[in-house]
Amino acid sequence: MVALRPEKADQPPGEAAVPAAAGAGGCDVPGMPDPPCGAMVPRCPPYDSAAPVEGFLTGYQTMDTIAALNFGIVIVMNIRALG
């Protein structure tokens, strides 16, 4: 409700909801300093060099695939609507 009407964040319901939402986001923080389980695994190709670039390209391909599926659905819906 606060996201739909941000101007009401300072009114009584928002005064309780905003701090509660902010506090809920930090619930996992105490568990973060734990060390990983077991030994560290060496990096595997293609992430052993230029990992940020590979991650960006992989993510871009995923978004491109989702967009292509969505575009295909729109085309099919329009063809069905035309008869």
Protein backbone atom coordinates (compact mmCIF):
# COMPACT_ATOMS: atom_id res chain seq x y z
CA MET A 1 0.00 0.00 0.00
CA VAL A 2 2.87 2.35 0.78
CA ALA A 3 4.40 1.70 -2.65
CA LEU A 4 1.14 2.61 -4.36
CA ARG A 5 0.77 5.87 -2.41
CA PRO A 6 4.20 7.02 -1.18
CA GLU A 7 2.76 10.35 0.00
CA LYS A 8 0.95 8.42 2.76
CA ALA A 9 4.15 6.93 4.24
CA ASP A 10 4.09 9.52 7.04
CA GLN A 11 0.49 8.78 8.05
CA PRO A 12 -0.30 6.25 10.84
CA PRO A 13 -0.39 3.00 8.77
CA GLY A 14 2.75 4.01 6.90
CA GLU A 15 4.56 4.97 10.09
CA ALA A 16 4.42 1.31 11.15
CA ALA A 17 4.68 -0.36 7.74
CA VAL A 18 7.81 1.38 6.46
CA PRO A 19 10.06 0.55 9.47
CA ALA A 20 8.66 -3.01 9.57
CA ALA A 21 9.50 -3.54 5.89
CA ALA A 22 12.97 -2.09 6.38
CA GLY A 23 13.55 -4.33 9.39
CA ALA A 24 12.31 -7.42 7.56
CA GLY A 25 14.89 -6.83 4.84
CA GLY A 26 17.72 -7.12 7.35
CA CYS A 27 16.68 -10.42 8.97
CA ASP A 28 19.37 -12.45 7.20
CA VAL A 29 22.28 -10.17 8.14
CA PRO A 30 23.32 -12.03 11.34
CA GLY A 31 23.89 -15.24 9.35
CA MET A 32 26.08 -13.66 6.69
CA PRO A 33 29.46 -13.80 8.48
CA ASP A 34 29.39 -17.63 8.56
CA PRO A 35 32.18 -19.22 6.51
CA PRO A 36 31.20 -21.29 3.48
CA CYS A 37 30.67 -25.02 3.97
CA GLY A 38 33.71 -27.07 3.00
CA ALA A 39 36.67 -26.06 0.90
CA MET A 40 36.47 -23.41 -1.78
CA VAL A 41 35.90 -24.86 -5.24
CA PRO A 42 38.13 -23.56 -8.04
CA ARG A 43 36.45 -21.45 -10.70
CA CYS A 44 35.34 -23.23 -13.82
CA PRO A 45 35.52 -21.94 -17.38
CA PRO A 46 34.34 -19.48 -18.70
CA TYR A 47 34.14 -17.78 -15.28
CA ASP A 48 37.81 -18.36 -14.41
CA SER A 49 38.72 -15.18 -16.32
CA ALA A 50 36.53 -12.11 -16.90
CA ALA A 51 33.69 -13.38 -14.71
CA PRO A 52 31.74 -10.08 -14.73
CA VAL A 53 31.72 -9.99 -18.54
CA GLU A 54 30.58 -13.61 -18.81
CA GLY A 55 27.89 -13.05 -16.18
CA PHE A 56 26.62 -9.98 -18.01
CA LEU A 57 26.50 -11.81 -21.35
CA THR A 58 24.71 -14.80 -19.83
CA GLY A 59 22.17 -12.54 -18.13
CA TYR A 60 21.65 -10.59 -21.34
CA GLN A 61 20.98 -13.81 -23.25
CA THR A 62 18.42 -14.82 -20.62
CA MET A 63 16.62 -11.47 -20.88
CA ASP A 64 16.74 -11.69 -24.68
CA THR A 65 15.15 -15.16 -24.58
CA ILE A 66 12.38 -14.01 -22.25
CA ALA A 67 11.70 -10.98 -24.46
CA ALA A 68 11.56 -13.19 -27.55
CA LEU A 69 9.04 -15.51 -25.87
CA ASN A 70 6.93 -12.54 -24.83
CA PHE A 71 7.06 -11.09 -28.35
CA GLY A 72 6.02 -14.46 -29.77
CA ILE A 73 3.05 -14.62 -27.39
CA VAL A 74 1.95 -11.13 -28.49
CA ILE A 75 2.17 -12.16 -32.17
CA VAL A 76 0.16 -15.34 -31.55
CA MET A 77 -2.50 -13.42 -29.61
CA ASN A 78 -2.83 -10.91 -32.45
CA ILE A 79 -3.08 -13.64 -35.09
CA ARG A 80 -5.80 -15.37 -33.05
CA ALA A 81 -7.66 -12.10 -32.58
CA LEU A 82 -7.65 -11.45 -36.34
CA GLY A 83 -9.03 -14.92 -37.01
